[in-house]
Amino acid sequence: MLAVAAAVVFGFALLLDLLDTKLGAPDLLNWNTLVLIGLLLLSLYLAGVGRGSGGGGRWYRGRRPGRG
């Protein structure tokens, strides 16, 4: 989910850059800020935050690997 949010933020930042829009508040929500937000979300995703696992520690499906 965080990777999708990062993709949305990066897409929005790209649109702002291509359309050269300032959104009325150049210091609050500029291109650099959106890129940093996207990188933060992407790094949180890669760190495993918000993975959505149900717990129990079982990450595989079906039979256990290497158990004949």
PDB file of N, CA and C in Angstrom:
ATOM      1  N   MET A   1       0.815  -1.189   0.000  1.00  0.00           N
ATOM      2  CA  MET A   1       0.000   0.000   0.000  1.00  0.00           C
ATOM      3  C   MET A   1       0.862   1.258   0.000  1.00  0.00           C
ATOM      4  N   LEU A   2       1.974   1.199   0.733  1.00  0.00           N
ATOM      5  CA  LEU A   2       2.858   2.360   0.744  1.00  0.00           C
ATOM      6  C   LEU A   2       3.523   2.574  -0.610  1.00  0.00           C
ATOM      7  N   ALA A   3       3.783   1.500  -1.336  1.00  0.00           N
ATOM      8  CA  ALA A   3       4.378   1.644  -2.659  1.00  0.00           C
ATOM      9  C   ALA A   3       3.404   2.306  -3.622  1.00  0.00           C
ATOM     10  N   VAL A   4       2.128   2.000  -3.495  1.00  0.00           N
ATOM     11  CA  VAL A   4       1.113   2.644  -4.335  1.00  0.00           C
ATOM     12  C   VAL A   4       1.018   4.129  -3.987  1.00  0.00           C
ATOM     13  N   ALA A   5       1.059   4.444  -2.692  1.00  0.00           N
ATOM     14  CA  ALA A   5       1.019   5.851  -2.282  1.00  0.00           C
ATOM     15  C   ALA A   5       2.252   6.597  -2.785  1.00  0.00           C
ATOM     16  N   ALA A   6       3.406   5.944  -2.750  1.00  0.00           N
ATOM     17  CA  ALA A   6       4.621   6.569  -3.272  1.00  0.00           C
ATOM     18  C   ALA A   6       4.501   6.810  -4.775  1.00  0.00           C
ATOM     19  N   ALA A   7       3.917   5.861  -5.502  1.00  0.00           N
ATOM     20  CA  ALA A   7       3.735   6.035  -6.940  1.00  0.00           C
ATOM     21  C   ALA A   7       2.787   7.193  -7.237  1.00  0.00           C
ATOM     22  N   VAL A   8       1.748   7.341  -6.438  1.00  0.00           N
ATOM     23  CA  VAL A   8       0.814   8.456  -6.628  1.00  0.00           C
ATOM     24  C   VAL A   8       1.514   9.785  -6.369  1.00  0.00           C
ATOM     25  N   VAL A   9       2.305   9.847  -5.309  1.00  0.00           N
ATOM     26  CA  VAL A   9       3.023  11.083  -4.995  1.00  0.00           C
ATOM     27  C   VAL A   9       4.032  11.413  -6.091  1.00  0.00           C
ATOM     28  N   PHE A  10       4.759  10.406  -6.575  1.00  0.00           N
ATOM     29  CA  PHE A  10       5.716  10.651  -7.654  1.00  0.00           C
ATOM     30  C   PHE A  10       5.007  11.087  -8.939  1.00  0.00           C
ATOM     31  N   GLY A  11       3.860  10.496  -9.230  1.00  0.00           N
ATOM     32  CA  GLY A  11       3.097  10.906 -10.406  1.00  0.00           C
ATOM     33  C   GLY A  11       2.600  12.329 -10.288  1.00  0.00           C
ATOM     34  N   PHE A  12       2.137  12.706  -9.103  1.00  0.00           N
ATOM     35  CA  PHE A  12       1.682  14.071  -8.877  1.00  0.00           C
ATOM     36  C   PHE A  12       2.844  15.057  -8.989  1.00  0.00           C
ATOM     37  N   ALA A  13       4.004  14.677  -8.465  1.00  0.00           N
ATOM     38  CA  ALA A  13       5.187  15.536  -8.579  1.00  0.00           C
ATOM     39  C   ALA A  13       5.611  15.694 -10.035  1.00  0.00           C
ATOM     40  N   LEU A  14       5.501  14.615 -10.809  1.00  0.00           N
ATOM     41  CA  LEU A  14       5.847  14.693 -12.226  1.00  0.00           C
ATOM     42  C   LEU A  14       4.899  15.621 -12.969  1.00  0.00           C
ATOM     43  N   LEU A  15       3.602  15.519 -12.667  1.00  0.00           N
ATOM     44  CA  LEU A  15       2.643  16.423 -13.302  1.00  0.00           C
ATOM     45  C   LEU A  15       2.921  17.879 -12.941  1.00  0.00           C
ATOM     46  N   LEU A  16       3.236  18.137 -11.681  1.00  0.00           N
ATOM     47  CA  LEU A  16       3.568  19.497 -11.280  1.00  0.00           C
ATOM     48  C   LEU A  16       4.795  20.012 -12.011  1.00  0.00           C
ATOM     49  N   ASP A  17       5.769  19.143 -12.202  1.00  0.00           N
ATOM     50  CA  ASP A  17       6.984  19.555 -12.899  1.00  0.00           C
ATOM     51  C   ASP A  17       6.714  19.794 -14.382  1.00  0.00           C
ATOM     52  N   LEU A  18       5.944  18.907 -14.993  1.00  0.00           N
ATOM     53  CA  LEU A  18       5.671  19.064 -16.423  1.00  0.00           C
ATOM     54  C   LEU A  18       4.789  20.276 -16.716  1.00  0.00           C
ATOM     55  N   LEU A  19       3.825  20.548 -15.842  1.00  0.00           N
ATOM     56  CA  LEU A  19       2.924  21.670 -16.064  1.00  0.00           C
ATOM     57  C   LEU A  19       3.455  22.974 -15.476  1.00  0.00           C
ATOM     58  N   ASP A  20       4.590  22.900 -14.777  1.00  0.00           N
ATOM     59  CA  ASP A  20       5.226  24.058 -14.153  1.00  0.00           C
ATOM     60  C   ASP A  20       4.242  24.826 -13.281  1.00  0.00           C
ATOM     61  N   THR A  21       3.604  24.095 -12.377  1.00  0.00           N
ATOM     62  CA  THR A  21       2.582  24.650 -11.492  1.00  0.00           C
ATOM     63  C   THR A  21       3.154  24.827 -10.103  1.00  0.00           C
ATOM     64  N   LYS A  22       2.760  25.914  -9.436  1.00  0.00           N
ATOM     65  CA  LYS A  22       3.234  26.184  -8.079  1.00  0.00           C
ATOM     66  C   LYS A  22       2.172  25.918  -7.022  1.00  0.00           C
ATOM     67  N   LEU A  23       0.928  25.746  -7.385  1.00  0.00           N
ATOM     68  CA  LEU A  23      -0.195  25.473  -6.490  1.00  0.00           C
ATOM     69  C   LEU A  23      -0.430  26.591  -5.468  1.00  0.00           C
ATOM     70  N   GLY A  24       0.033  27.789  -5.736  1.00  0.00           N
ATOM     71  CA  GLY A  24      -0.245  28.920  -4.861  1.00  0.00           C
ATOM     72  C   GLY A  24       0.597  28.977  -3.609  1.00  0.00           C
ATOM     73  N   ALA A  25       1.297  27.932  -3.276  1.00  0.00           N
ATOM     74  CA  ALA A  25       2.140  27.924  -2.083  1.00  0.00           C
ATOM     75  C   ALA A  25       3.481  27.290  -2.436  1.00  0.00           C
ATOM     76  N   PRO A  26       4.378  28.056  -3.022  1.00  0.00           N
ATOM     77  CA  PRO A  26       5.630  27.457  -3.511  1.00  0.00           C
ATOM     78  C   PRO A  26       6.535  26.923  -2.410  1.00  0.00           C
ATOM     79  N   ASP A  27       6.422  27.444  -1.185  1.00  0.00           N
ATOM     80  CA  ASP A  27       7.293  26.955  -0.119  1.00  0.00           C
ATOM     81  C   ASP A  27       6.722  25.741   0.594  1.00  0.00           C
ATOM     82  N   LEU A  28       5.412  25.567   0.528  1.00  0.00           N
ATOM     83  CA  LEU A  28       4.776  24.488   1.267  1.00  0.00           C
ATOM     84  C   LEU A  28       4.741  23.179   0.482  1.00  0.00           C
ATOM     85  N   LEU A  29       4.324  23.219  -0.755  1.00  0.00           N
ATOM     86  CA  LEU A  29       4.116  22.007  -1.549  1.00  0.00           C
ATOM     87  C   LEU A  29       4.807  22.165  -2.894  1.00  0.00           C
ATOM     88  N   ASN A  30       6.127  22.134  -2.888  1.00  0.00           N
ATOM     89  CA  ASN A  30       6.849  22.253  -4.144  1.00  0.00           C
ATOM     90  C   ASN A  30       7.311  20.884  -4.630  1.00  0.00           C
ATOM     91  N   TRP A  31       8.027  20.855  -5.722  1.00  0.00           N
ATOM     92  CA  TRP A  31       8.431  19.611  -6.354  1.00  0.00           C
ATOM     93  C   TRP A  31       9.370  18.827  -5.453  1.00  0.00           C
ATOM     94  N   ASN A  32      10.293  19.519  -4.799  1.00  0.00           N
ATOM     95  CA  ASN A  32      11.252  18.828  -3.933  1.00  0.00           C
ATOM     96  C   ASN A  32      10.563  18.172  -2.745  1.00  0.00           C
ATOM     97  N   THR A  33       9.573  18.849  -2.173  1.00  0.00           N
ATOM     98  CA  THR A  33       8.847  18.283  -1.037  1.00  0.00           C
ATOM     99  C   THR A  33       8.106  17.022  -1.430  1.00  0.00           C
ATOM    100  N   LEU A  34       7.457  17.025  -2.593  1.00  0.00           N
ATOM    101  CA  LEU A  34       6.740  15.832  -3.047  1.00  0.00           C
ATOM    102  C   LEU A  34       7.689  14.677  -3.324  1.00  0.00           C
ATOM    103  N   VAL A  35       8.851  14.958  -3.861  1.00  0.00           N
ATOM    104  CA  VAL A  35       9.828  13.899  -4.107  1.00  0.00           C
ATOM    105  C   VAL A  35      10.306  13.309  -2.788  1.00  0.00           C
ATOM    106  N   LEU A  36      10.534  14.152  -1.792  1.00  0.00           N
ATOM    107  CA  LEU A  36      10.964  13.644  -0.496  1.00  0.00           C
ATOM    108  C   LEU A  36       9.878  12.817   0.176  1.00  0.00           C
ATOM    109  N   ILE A  37       8.619  13.218   0.038  1.00  0.00           N
ATOM    110  CA  ILE A  37       7.509  12.427   0.586  1.00  0.00           C
ATOM    111  C   ILE A  37       7.445  11.070  -0.118  1.00  0.00           C
ATOM    112  N   GLY A  38       7.591  11.076  -1.437  1.00  0.00           N
ATOM    113  CA  GLY A  38       7.579   9.820  -2.183  1.00  0.00           C
ATOM    114  C   GLY A  38       8.726   8.907  -1.803  1.00  0.00           C
ATOM    115  N   LEU A  39       9.913   9.473  -1.614  1.00  0.00           N
ATOM    116  CA  LEU A  39      11.050   8.661  -1.200  1.00  0.00           C
ATOM    117  C   LEU A  39      10.862   8.106   0.208  1.00  0.00           C
ATOM    118  N   LEU A  40      10.251   8.899   1.091  1.00  0.00           N
ATOM    119  CA  LEU A  40       9.964   8.408   2.434  1.00  0.00           C
ATOM    120  C   LEU A  40       8.998   7.230   2.388  1.00  0.00           C
ATOM    121  N   LEU A  41       7.924   7.350   1.608  1.00  0.00           N
ATOM    122  CA  LEU A  41       6.968   6.256   1.504  1.00  0.00           C
ATOM    123  C   LEU A  41       7.603   5.014   0.886  1.00  0.00           C
ATOM    124  N   LEU A  42       8.440   5.231  -0.107  1.00  0.00           N
ATOM    125  CA  LEU A  42       9.100   4.098  -0.750  1.00  0.00           C
ATOM    126  C   LEU A  42      10.078   3.411   0.193  1.00  0.00           C
ATOM    127  N   SER A  43      10.807   4.181   0.977  1.00  0.00           N
ATOM    128  CA  SER A  43      11.735   3.568   1.923  1.00  0.00           C
ATOM    129  C   SER A  43      10.997   2.843   3.038  1.00  0.00           C
ATOM    130  N   LEU A  44       9.861   3.376   3.479  1.00  0.00           N
ATOM    131  CA  LEU A  44       9.060   2.673   4.480  1.00  0.00           C
ATOM    132  C   LEU A  44       8.535   1.356   3.924  1.00  0.00           C
ATOM    133  N   TYR A  45       8.136   1.364   2.667  1.00  0.00           N
ATOM    134  CA  TYR A  45       7.661   0.136   2.028  1.00  0.00           C
ATOM    135  C   TYR A  45       8.778  -0.901   1.950  1.00  0.00           C
ATOM    136  N   LEU A  46       9.967  -0.462   1.546  1.00  0.00           N
ATOM    137  CA  LEU A  46      11.083  -1.389   1.423  1.00  0.00           C
ATOM    138  C   LEU A  46      11.553  -1.893   2.784  1.00  0.00           C
ATOM    139  N   ALA A  47      11.311  -1.112   3.826  1.00  0.00           N
ATOM    140  CA  ALA A  47      11.681  -1.545   5.169  1.00  0.00           C
ATOM    141  C   ALA A  47      10.680  -2.537   5.745  1.00  0.00           C
ATOM    142  N   GLY A  48       9.543  -2.707   5.100  1.00  0.00           N
ATOM    143  CA  GLY A  48       8.561  -3.685   5.557  1.00  0.00           C
ATOM    144  C   GLY A  48       7.464  -3.094   6.412  1.00  0.00           C
ATOM    145  N   VAL A  49       7.407  -1.778   6.548  1.00  0.00           N
ATOM    146  CA  VAL A  49       6.349  -1.137   7.328  1.00  0.00           C
ATOM    147  C   VAL A  49       5.069  -1.171   6.507  1.00  0.00           C
ATOM    148  N   GLY A  50       3.959  -1.541   7.144  1.00  0.00           N
ATOM    149  CA  GLY A  50       2.683  -1.560   6.440  1.00  0.00           C
ATOM    150  C   GLY A  50       2.554  -2.701   5.464  1.00  0.00           C
ATOM    151  N   ARG A  51       3.215  -3.797   5.756  1.00  0.00           N
ATOM    152  CA  ARG A  51       3.180  -4.942   4.846  1.00  0.00           C
ATOM    153  C   ARG A  51       1.829  -5.628   4.848  1.00  0.00           C
ATOM    154  N   GLY A  52       1.106  -5.481   5.933  1.00  0.00           N
ATOM    155  CA  GLY A  52      -0.237  -6.025   5.982  1.00  0.00           C
ATOM    156  C   GLY A  52      -0.298  -7.515   6.240  1.00  0.00           C
ATOM    157  N   SER A  53       0.764  -8.091   6.770  1.00  0.00           N
ATOM    158  CA  SER A  53       0.721  -9.525   7.033  1.00  0.00           C
ATOM    159  C   SER A  53      -0.179  -9.783   8.235  1.00  0.00           C
ATOM    160  N   GLY A  54      -0.865 -10.884   8.200  1.00  0.00           N
ATOM    161  CA  GLY A  54      -1.810 -11.207   9.252  1.00  0.00           C
ATOM    162  C   GLY A  54      -1.179 -11.718  10.525  1.00  0.00           C
ATOM    163  N   GLY A  55       0.119 -11.799  10.574  1.00  0.00           N
ATOM    164  CA  GLY A  55       0.771 -12.293  11.777  1.00  0.00           C
ATOM    165  C   GLY A  55       0.987 -13.794  11.704  1.00  0.00           C
ATOM    166  N   GLY A  56       1.489 -14.351  12.759  1.00  0.00           N
ATOM    167  CA  GLY A  56       1.726 -15.784  12.800  1.00  0.00           C
ATOM    168  C   GLY A  56       3.044 -16.197  12.205  1.00  0.00           C
ATOM    169  N   GLY A  57       3.701 -15.330  11.472  1.00  0.00           N
ATOM    170  CA  GLY A  57       5.009 -15.619  10.927  1.00  0.00           C
ATOM    171  C   GLY A  57       5.011 -16.566   9.741  1.00  0.00           C
ATOM    172  N   ARG A  58       3.878 -16.944   9.218  1.00  0.00           N
ATOM    173  CA  ARG A  58       3.850 -17.858   8.077  1.00  0.00           C
ATOM    174  C   ARG A  58       3.727 -17.037   6.802  1.00  0.00           C
ATOM    175  N   TRP A  59       4.814 -16.917   6.096  1.00  0.00           N
ATOM    176  CA  TRP A  59       4.835 -16.089   4.898  1.00  0.00           C
ATOM    177  C   TRP A  59       4.701 -16.898   3.614  1.00  0.00           C
ATOM    178  N   TYR A  60       4.723 -18.210   3.690  1.00  0.00           N
ATOM    179  CA  TYR A  60       4.615 -19.048   2.508  1.00  0.00           C
ATOM    180  C   TYR A  60       3.229 -19.679   2.443  1.00  0.00           C
ATOM    181  N   ARG A  61       2.866 -20.133   1.277  1.00  0.00           N
ATOM    182  CA  ARG A  61       1.577 -20.791   1.059  1.00  0.00           C
ATOM    183  C   ARG A  61       1.819 -22.265   0.736  1.00  0.00           C
ATOM    184  N   GLY A  62       0.914 -23.102   1.146  1.00  0.00           N
ATOM    185  CA  GLY A  62       1.007 -24.514   0.800  1.00  0.00           C
ATOM    186  C   GLY A  62       2.025 -25.260   1.638  1.00  0.00           C
ATOM    187  N   ARG A  63       2.706 -26.220   1.011  1.00  0.00           N
ATOM    188  CA  ARG A  63       3.657 -27.038   1.745  1.00  0.00           C
ATOM    189  C   ARG A  63       4.930 -26.263   2.038  1.00  0.00           C
ATOM    190  N   ARG A  64       5.570 -26.639   3.113  1.00  0.00           N
ATOM    191  CA  ARG A  64       6.814 -25.976   3.475  1.00  0.00           C
ATOM    192  C   ARG A  64       7.914 -26.381   2.504  1.00  0.00           C
ATOM    193  N   PRO A  65       8.766 -25.446   2.140  1.00  0.00           N
ATOM    194  CA  PRO A  65       9.830 -25.773   1.195  1.00  0.00           C
ATOM    195  C   PRO A  65      10.843 -26.757   1.788  1.00  0.00           C
ATOM    196  N   GLY A  66      11.267 -27.713   0.985  1.00  0.00           N
ATOM    197  CA  GLY A  66      12.258 -28.681   1.404  1.00  0.00           C
ATOM    198  C   GLY A  66      11.716 -29.808   2.289  1.00  0.00           C
ATOM    199  N   ARG A  67      10.421 -30.005   2.297  1.00  0.00           N
ATOM    200  CA  ARG A  67       9.825 -31.040   3.153  1.00  0.00           C
ATOM    201  C   ARG A  67       9.228 -32.190   2.324  1.00  0.00           C
ATOM    202  N   GLY A  68       9.881 -32.541   1.239  1.00  0.00           N
ATOM    203  CA  GLY A  68       9.508 -33.695   0.453  1.00  0.00           C
ATOM    204  C   GLY A  68       8.118 -33.692   0.068  1.00  0.00           C
TER     205      GLY A  68
END
